[in-house]
């Protein structure tokens, strides 16, 4: 896996991913996301991918899955994440709470490389979920 990050100006960079996508990164949030926001977005994408795939394989009628993520950072430099909370809002038809709970747990404990890597680095990650019946 390769990614190239090129300095543009001031604190603005452009990342070119190995899969060919560009991401704007900006420390001042003038023209892109901050680097630590991208870490949270990567975690959210990784774990959401797992949860949706597990639910589909479990024959659950998923309409929407939103991972709401918030995090605390250390007050000292380096300002690393100390705790991350991932709350899934899963909407679907006749979803079973136990199946959603299992999907979230499997992602957190076995499949999500981003989550597991951060936890091994000392970050506490808390997962929760709610199920909403689709109209």
N, C-alpha and C. Protein backbone atom coordinates (compact mmCIF):
# COMPACT_ATOMS: atom_id res chain seq x y z
N UNK A 1 0.85 -1.17 0.00
CA UNK A 1 0.00 0.00 0.00
C UNK A 1 0.89 1.23 0.00
N UNK A 2 0.60 2.14 -0.91
CA UNK A 2 1.41 3.36 -1.01
C UNK A 2 0.52 4.59 -1.03
N UNK A 3 1.02 5.66 -0.46
CA UNK A 3 0.39 6.97 -0.52
C UNK A 3 1.51 7.99 -0.60
N UNK A 4 1.29 9.02 -1.37
CA UNK A 4 2.28 10.09 -1.51
C UNK A 4 1.64 11.39 -1.06
N UNK A 5 2.32 12.13 -0.19
CA UNK A 5 1.82 13.40 0.31
C UNK A 5 2.76 14.50 -0.17
N UNK A 6 2.20 15.48 -0.86
CA UNK A 6 2.98 16.56 -1.45
C UNK A 6 2.62 17.90 -0.81
N UNK A 7 3.63 18.62 -0.38
CA UNK A 7 3.42 19.94 0.19
C UNK A 7 3.00 20.90 -0.90
N UNK A 8 1.94 21.68 -0.65
CA UNK A 8 1.46 22.67 -1.61
C UNK A 8 1.92 24.07 -1.22
N UNK A 9 1.55 24.47 0.02
CA UNK A 9 1.96 25.77 0.55
C UNK A 9 1.57 25.82 2.01
N UNK A 10 2.22 26.67 2.78
CA UNK A 10 1.92 26.88 4.18
C UNK A 10 1.74 25.52 4.88
N UNK A 11 0.53 25.19 5.34
CA UNK A 11 0.26 23.88 5.97
C UNK A 11 -0.74 23.08 5.15
N UNK A 12 -0.70 23.26 3.84
CA UNK A 12 -1.60 22.57 2.91
C UNK A 12 -0.83 21.51 2.13
N UNK A 13 -1.40 20.31 2.09
CA UNK A 13 -0.79 19.18 1.39
C UNK A 13 -1.86 18.48 0.56
N UNK A 14 -1.43 17.76 -0.46
CA UNK A 14 -2.32 16.90 -1.22
C UNK A 14 -1.79 15.48 -1.13
N UNK A 15 -2.66 14.57 -0.70
CA UNK A 15 -2.29 13.16 -0.64
C UNK A 15 -2.84 12.46 -1.88
N UNK A 16 -2.00 11.67 -2.50
CA UNK A 16 -2.41 10.84 -3.63
C UNK A 16 -2.33 9.40 -3.15
N UNK A 17 -3.48 8.74 -3.05
CA UNK A 17 -3.50 7.38 -2.54
C UNK A 17 -3.05 6.39 -3.60
N UNK A 18 -2.65 5.23 -3.16
CA UNK A 18 -2.24 4.18 -4.07
C UNK A 18 -3.35 3.75 -5.01
N UNK A 19 -4.60 3.96 -4.59
CA UNK A 19 -5.74 3.59 -5.43
C UNK A 19 -6.15 4.72 -6.37
N UNK A 20 -5.38 5.82 -6.35
CA UNK A 20 -5.59 6.88 -7.33
C UNK A 20 -6.47 8.04 -6.92
N UNK A 21 -6.80 8.16 -5.65
CA UNK A 21 -7.65 9.25 -5.18
C UNK A 21 -6.82 10.34 -4.53
N UNK A 22 -7.29 11.58 -4.65
CA UNK A 22 -6.62 12.72 -4.03
C UNK A 22 -7.39 13.18 -2.81
N UNK A 23 -6.66 13.55 -1.77
CA UNK A 23 -7.25 14.06 -0.54
C UNK A 23 -6.51 15.34 -0.17
N UNK A 24 -7.27 16.39 0.07
CA UNK A 24 -6.67 17.65 0.49
C UNK A 24 -6.53 17.65 2.01
N UNK A 25 -5.34 18.00 2.48
CA UNK A 25 -5.04 18.04 3.91
C UNK A 25 -4.57 19.45 4.24
N UNK A 26 -5.15 20.04 5.29
CA UNK A 26 -4.79 21.41 5.62
C UNK A 26 -4.83 21.60 7.13
N UNK A 27 -3.71 21.96 7.71
CA UNK A 27 -3.62 22.16 9.15
C UNK A 27 -4.48 23.29 9.67
N UNK A 28 -4.83 24.24 8.80
CA UNK A 28 -5.67 25.37 9.20
C UNK A 28 -7.13 25.19 8.81
N UNK A 29 -7.47 24.08 8.21
CA UNK A 29 -8.83 23.79 7.73
C UNK A 29 -9.32 24.83 6.73
N UNK A 30 -8.43 25.40 5.97
CA UNK A 30 -8.80 26.38 4.95
C UNK A 30 -9.17 25.68 3.64
N UNK A 31 -8.48 24.57 3.35
CA UNK A 31 -8.68 23.93 2.05
C UNK A 31 -8.66 22.41 2.13
N UNK A 32 -8.95 21.88 3.32
CA UNK A 32 -8.95 20.42 3.46
C UNK A 32 -9.09 20.01 4.91
N UNK A 33 -9.15 18.73 5.12
CA UNK A 33 -9.29 18.18 6.47
C UNK A 33 -7.96 18.21 7.20
N UNK A 34 -8.02 18.30 8.53
CA UNK A 34 -6.81 18.20 9.33
C UNK A 34 -6.38 16.73 9.37
N UNK A 35 -5.09 16.48 9.53
CA UNK A 35 -4.60 15.10 9.53
C UNK A 35 -5.27 14.19 10.56
N UNK A 36 -5.50 14.67 11.77
CA UNK A 36 -6.12 13.82 12.79
C UNK A 36 -7.58 13.54 12.49
N UNK A 37 -8.25 14.45 11.78
CA UNK A 37 -9.62 14.18 11.32
C UNK A 37 -9.62 13.03 10.33
N UNK A 38 -8.59 12.98 9.50
CA UNK A 38 -8.50 11.89 8.51
C UNK A 38 -8.30 10.54 9.19
N UNK A 39 -7.57 10.54 10.31
CA UNK A 39 -7.42 9.29 11.06
C UNK A 39 -8.78 8.80 11.55
N UNK A 40 -9.60 9.71 12.08
CA UNK A 40 -10.93 9.33 12.54
C UNK A 40 -11.81 8.88 11.37
N UNK A 41 -11.70 9.58 10.24
CA UNK A 41 -12.48 9.20 9.07
C UNK A 41 -12.07 7.81 8.57
N UNK A 42 -10.77 7.52 8.60
CA UNK A 42 -10.30 6.21 8.20
C UNK A 42 -10.82 5.12 9.12
N UNK A 43 -10.80 5.38 10.42
CA UNK A 43 -11.36 4.44 11.39
C UNK A 43 -12.85 4.23 11.12
N UNK A 44 -13.57 5.32 10.90
CA UNK A 44 -15.01 5.23 10.63
C UNK A 44 -15.32 4.44 9.38
N UNK A 45 -14.55 4.67 8.35
CA UNK A 45 -14.75 3.93 7.10
C UNK A 45 -14.45 2.46 7.25
N UNK A 46 -13.38 2.15 7.95
CA UNK A 46 -12.96 0.76 8.15
C UNK A 46 -14.01 -0.02 8.93
N UNK A 47 -14.43 0.52 10.06
CA UNK A 47 -15.37 -0.22 10.91
C UNK A 47 -16.77 -0.24 10.30
N UNK A 48 -17.18 0.83 9.62
CA UNK A 48 -18.49 0.85 8.96
C UNK A 48 -18.56 -0.19 7.85
N UNK A 49 -17.48 -0.30 7.09
CA UNK A 49 -17.40 -1.31 6.03
C UNK A 49 -17.65 -2.70 6.61
N UNK A 50 -16.98 -2.99 7.72
CA UNK A 50 -17.16 -4.29 8.38
C UNK A 50 -18.61 -4.50 8.82
N UNK A 51 -19.15 -3.52 9.53
CA UNK A 51 -20.49 -3.66 10.10
C UNK A 51 -21.52 -3.90 9.00
N UNK A 52 -21.47 -3.11 7.94
CA UNK A 52 -22.44 -3.26 6.85
C UNK A 52 -22.27 -4.62 6.18
N UNK A 53 -21.04 -5.04 5.92
CA UNK A 53 -20.82 -6.35 5.28
C UNK A 53 -21.32 -7.50 6.15
N UNK A 54 -21.06 -7.43 7.44
CA UNK A 54 -21.51 -8.49 8.35
C UNK A 54 -23.04 -8.52 8.39
N UNK A 55 -23.66 -7.35 8.44
CA UNK A 55 -25.13 -7.31 8.47
C UNK A 55 -25.74 -7.84 7.18
N UNK A 56 -25.14 -7.50 6.05
CA UNK A 56 -25.65 -8.01 4.77
C UNK A 56 -25.49 -9.53 4.69
N UNK A 57 -24.34 -10.03 5.13
CA UNK A 57 -24.13 -11.48 5.13
C UNK A 57 -25.08 -12.19 6.09
N UNK A 58 -25.55 -11.44 7.10
CA UNK A 58 -26.51 -11.99 8.06
C UNK A 58 -27.95 -11.79 7.58
N UNK A 59 -28.09 -11.37 6.35
CA UNK A 59 -29.40 -11.16 5.70
C UNK A 59 -30.27 -10.12 6.40
N UNK A 60 -29.60 -9.08 6.90
CA UNK A 60 -30.32 -7.97 7.50
C UNK A 60 -30.60 -6.92 6.43
N UNK A 61 -31.78 -6.33 6.45
CA UNK A 61 -32.20 -5.34 5.46
C UNK A 61 -31.75 -3.95 5.92
N UNK A 62 -30.48 -3.65 5.69
CA UNK A 62 -29.88 -2.39 6.10
C UNK A 62 -30.17 -1.32 5.05
N UNK A 63 -30.64 -0.17 5.52
CA UNK A 63 -30.91 0.96 4.64
C UNK A 63 -29.82 2.02 4.79
N UNK A 64 -29.32 2.19 6.02
CA UNK A 64 -28.32 3.22 6.30
C UNK A 64 -27.47 2.81 7.51
N UNK A 65 -26.21 3.19 7.46
CA UNK A 65 -25.32 2.98 8.61
C UNK A 65 -24.44 4.22 8.72
N UNK A 66 -24.57 4.91 9.84
CA UNK A 66 -23.78 6.11 10.09
C UNK A 66 -22.94 5.87 11.34
N UNK A 67 -21.64 6.08 11.21
CA UNK A 67 -20.76 5.99 12.36
C UNK A 67 -20.46 7.41 12.83
N UNK A 68 -20.94 7.76 14.02
CA UNK A 68 -20.68 9.07 14.61
C UNK A 68 -19.49 8.91 15.55
N UNK A 69 -18.44 9.64 15.26
CA UNK A 69 -17.19 9.45 15.99
C UNK A 69 -16.78 10.75 16.67
N UNK A 70 -16.46 10.64 17.95
CA UNK A 70 -15.84 11.78 18.63
C UNK A 70 -14.69 11.25 19.46
N UNK A 71 -13.74 12.12 19.73
CA UNK A 71 -12.51 11.66 20.37
C UNK A 71 -11.94 12.72 21.30
N UNK A 72 -11.19 12.22 22.27
CA UNK A 72 -10.44 13.08 23.18
C UNK A 72 -8.96 12.94 22.83
N UNK A 73 -8.24 14.05 23.00
CA UNK A 73 -6.81 14.05 22.73
C UNK A 73 -6.06 14.50 23.96
N UNK A 74 -4.82 14.08 24.05
CA UNK A 74 -3.95 14.47 25.16
C UNK A 74 -3.73 15.98 25.12
N UNK A 75 -3.57 16.56 26.30
CA UNK A 75 -3.34 18.01 26.40
C UNK A 75 -1.89 18.39 26.12
N UNK A 76 -1.02 17.40 26.06
CA UNK A 76 0.40 17.66 25.84
C UNK A 76 0.82 17.15 24.47
N UNK A 77 1.94 17.67 24.00
CA UNK A 77 2.50 17.24 22.72
C UNK A 77 3.29 15.97 22.93
N UNK A 78 3.11 14.93 22.15
CA UNK A 78 2.20 14.86 21.02
C UNK A 78 0.75 14.71 21.48
N UNK A 79 -0.13 15.39 20.81
CA UNK A 79 -1.55 15.41 21.19
C UNK A 79 -2.27 14.21 20.57
N UNK A 80 -1.93 13.04 21.09
CA UNK A 80 -2.48 11.78 20.56
C UNK A 80 -3.92 11.59 21.04
N UNK A 81 -4.65 10.72 20.34
CA UNK A 81 -5.97 10.35 20.81
C UNK A 81 -5.83 9.51 22.07
N UNK A 82 -6.64 9.81 23.07
CA UNK A 82 -6.64 9.02 24.30
C UNK A 82 -7.88 8.14 24.38
N UNK A 83 -8.99 8.64 23.84
CA UNK A 83 -10.21 7.84 23.79
C UNK A 83 -11.01 8.23 22.56
N UNK A 84 -11.54 7.22 21.88
CA UNK A 84 -12.38 7.43 20.71
C UNK A 84 -13.69 6.70 20.96
N UNK A 85 -14.79 7.40 20.67
CA UNK A 85 -16.11 6.80 20.81
C UNK A 85 -16.74 6.69 19.42
N UNK A 86 -17.13 5.47 19.06
CA UNK A 86 -17.77 5.20 17.77
C UNK A 86 -19.20 4.77 18.06
N UNK A 87 -20.16 5.56 17.62
CA UNK A 87 -21.57 5.24 17.82
C UNK A 87 -22.22 5.02 16.47
N UNK A 88 -22.70 3.80 16.24
CA UNK A 88 -23.36 3.46 14.99
C UNK A 88 -24.86 3.73 15.09
N UNK A 89 -25.40 4.37 14.08
CA UNK A 89 -26.84 4.52 13.93
C UNK A 89 -27.20 3.70 12.69
N UNK A 90 -27.80 2.55 12.92
CA UNK A 90 -28.11 1.61 11.85
C UNK A 90 -29.61 1.62 11.60
N UNK A 91 -29.98 1.94 10.38
CA UNK A 91 -31.39 1.99 10.00
C UNK A 91 -31.67 0.86 9.03
N UNK A 92 -32.82 0.22 9.23
CA UNK A 92 -33.19 -0.87 8.33
C UNK A 92 -34.59 -1.38 8.63
N UNK A 93 -34.94 -2.44 7.95
CA UNK A 93 -36.25 -3.05 8.11
C UNK A 93 -36.12 -4.34 8.91
N UNK A 94 -36.80 -4.38 10.06
CA UNK A 94 -36.81 -5.57 10.92
C UNK A 94 -35.41 -6.01 11.34
N UNK A 95 -34.55 -5.05 11.59
CA UNK A 95 -33.20 -5.39 12.05
C UNK A 95 -33.27 -6.00 13.45
N UNK A 96 -32.43 -6.99 13.67
CA UNK A 96 -32.35 -7.63 14.98
C UNK A 96 -31.22 -7.00 15.77
N UNK A 97 -31.55 -6.48 16.97
CA UNK A 97 -30.55 -5.84 17.82
C UNK A 97 -29.34 -6.73 18.06
N UNK A 98 -29.57 -8.00 18.31
CA UNK A 98 -28.48 -8.95 18.62
C UNK A 98 -27.54 -9.10 17.42
N UNK A 99 -28.09 -9.06 16.22
CA UNK A 99 -27.27 -9.20 15.02
C UNK A 99 -26.43 -7.94 14.81
N UNK A 100 -27.03 -6.77 15.05
CA UNK A 100 -26.27 -5.51 14.94
C UNK A 100 -25.18 -5.47 16.01
N UNK A 101 -25.53 -5.86 17.22
CA UNK A 101 -24.54 -5.90 18.31
C UNK A 101 -23.37 -6.82 17.94
N UNK A 102 -23.67 -7.97 17.38
CA UNK A 102 -22.63 -8.92 16.97
C UNK A 102 -21.75 -8.32 15.88
N UNK A 103 -22.36 -7.64 14.90
CA UNK A 103 -21.59 -7.03 13.81
C UNK A 103 -20.63 -5.97 14.34
N UNK A 104 -21.10 -5.14 15.25
CA UNK A 104 -20.25 -4.10 15.84
C UNK A 104 -19.11 -4.74 16.63
N UNK A 105 -19.43 -5.77 17.40
CA UNK A 105 -18.42 -6.45 18.21
C UNK A 105 -17.36 -7.14 17.34
N UNK A 106 -17.81 -7.82 16.28
CA UNK A 106 -16.85 -8.49 15.39
C UNK A 106 -15.92 -7.48 14.73
N UNK A 107 -16.48 -6.37 14.29
CA UNK A 107 -15.64 -5.34 13.68
C UNK A 107 -14.60 -4.85 14.67
N UNK A 108 -15.06 -4.53 15.89
CA UNK A 108 -14.17 -3.96 16.91
C UNK A 108 -13.09 -4.93 17.36
N UNK A 109 -13.45 -6.21 17.48
CA UNK A 109 -12.54 -7.17 18.11
C UNK A 109 -11.76 -8.05 17.12
N UNK A 110 -12.22 -8.13 15.87
CA UNK A 110 -11.55 -9.06 14.95
C UNK A 110 -11.19 -8.50 13.58
N UNK A 111 -11.99 -7.60 13.03
CA UNK A 111 -11.83 -7.25 11.62
C UNK A 111 -11.26 -5.87 11.31
N UNK A 112 -11.62 -4.86 12.08
CA UNK A 112 -11.22 -3.49 11.72
C UNK A 112 -9.75 -3.25 12.06
N UNK A 113 -8.93 -3.27 11.05
CA UNK A 113 -7.49 -3.07 11.24
C UNK A 113 -7.18 -1.72 11.88
N UNK A 114 -7.90 -0.68 11.49
CA UNK A 114 -7.65 0.65 12.04
C UNK A 114 -7.95 0.68 13.53
N UNK A 115 -9.08 0.13 13.92
CA UNK A 115 -9.47 0.10 15.33
C UNK A 115 -8.48 -0.71 16.16
N UNK A 116 -8.14 -1.88 15.67
CA UNK A 116 -7.22 -2.76 16.40
C UNK A 116 -5.83 -2.14 16.51
N UNK A 117 -5.38 -1.47 15.47
CA UNK A 117 -4.06 -0.83 15.49
C UNK A 117 -4.04 0.31 16.53
N UNK A 118 -5.09 1.13 16.52
CA UNK A 118 -5.14 2.23 17.49
C UNK A 118 -5.20 1.71 18.92
N UNK A 119 -5.98 0.66 19.15
CA UNK A 119 -6.07 0.09 20.50
C UNK A 119 -4.73 -0.48 20.95
N UNK A 120 -4.02 -1.14 20.05
CA UNK A 120 -2.71 -1.67 20.40
C UNK A 120 -1.72 -0.55 20.71
N UNK A 121 -2.00 0.63 20.19
CA UNK A 121 -1.17 1.80 20.47
C UNK A 121 -1.58 2.53 21.74
N UNK A 122 -2.57 2.00 22.46
CA UNK A 122 -2.95 2.57 23.74
C UNK A 122 -4.19 3.44 23.74
N UNK A 123 -4.89 3.53 22.61
CA UNK A 123 -6.10 4.34 22.54
C UNK A 123 -7.29 3.51 23.00
N UNK A 124 -8.06 4.05 23.92
CA UNK A 124 -9.29 3.37 24.35
C UNK A 124 -10.37 3.68 23.31
N UNK A 125 -11.01 2.63 22.78
CA UNK A 125 -12.08 2.82 21.80
C UNK A 125 -13.34 2.18 22.35
N UNK A 126 -14.40 2.97 22.38
CA UNK A 126 -15.69 2.53 22.89
C UNK A 126 -16.67 2.49 21.72
N UNK A 127 -17.32 1.35 21.53
CA UNK A 127 -18.30 1.18 20.46
C UNK A 127 -19.70 1.09 21.05
N UNK A 128 -20.65 1.73 20.41
CA UNK A 128 -22.06 1.62 20.80
C UNK A 128 -22.89 1.69 19.52
N UNK A 129 -24.19 1.40 19.68
CA UNK A 129 -25.05 1.41 18.50
C UNK A 129 -26.49 1.66 18.91
N UNK A 130 -27.27 2.08 17.91
CA UNK A 130 -28.71 2.14 18.06
C UNK A 130 -29.31 1.68 16.73
N UNK A 131 -30.49 1.10 16.81
CA UNK A 131 -31.18 0.60 15.63
C UNK A 131 -32.43 1.42 15.42
N UNK A 132 -32.63 1.86 14.19
CA UNK A 132 -33.82 2.64 13.84
C UNK A 132 -34.58 1.88 12.75
N UNK A 133 -35.86 1.74 12.96
CA UNK A 133 -36.72 1.07 11.97
C UNK A 133 -36.97 2.00 10.79
N UNK A 134 -36.71 1.51 9.58
CA UNK A 134 -36.92 2.29 8.37
C UNK A 134 -38.42 2.37 8.07
N UNK A 135 -38.81 3.49 7.50
CA UNK A 135 -40.22 3.67 7.14
C UNK A 135 -40.52 3.04 5.81
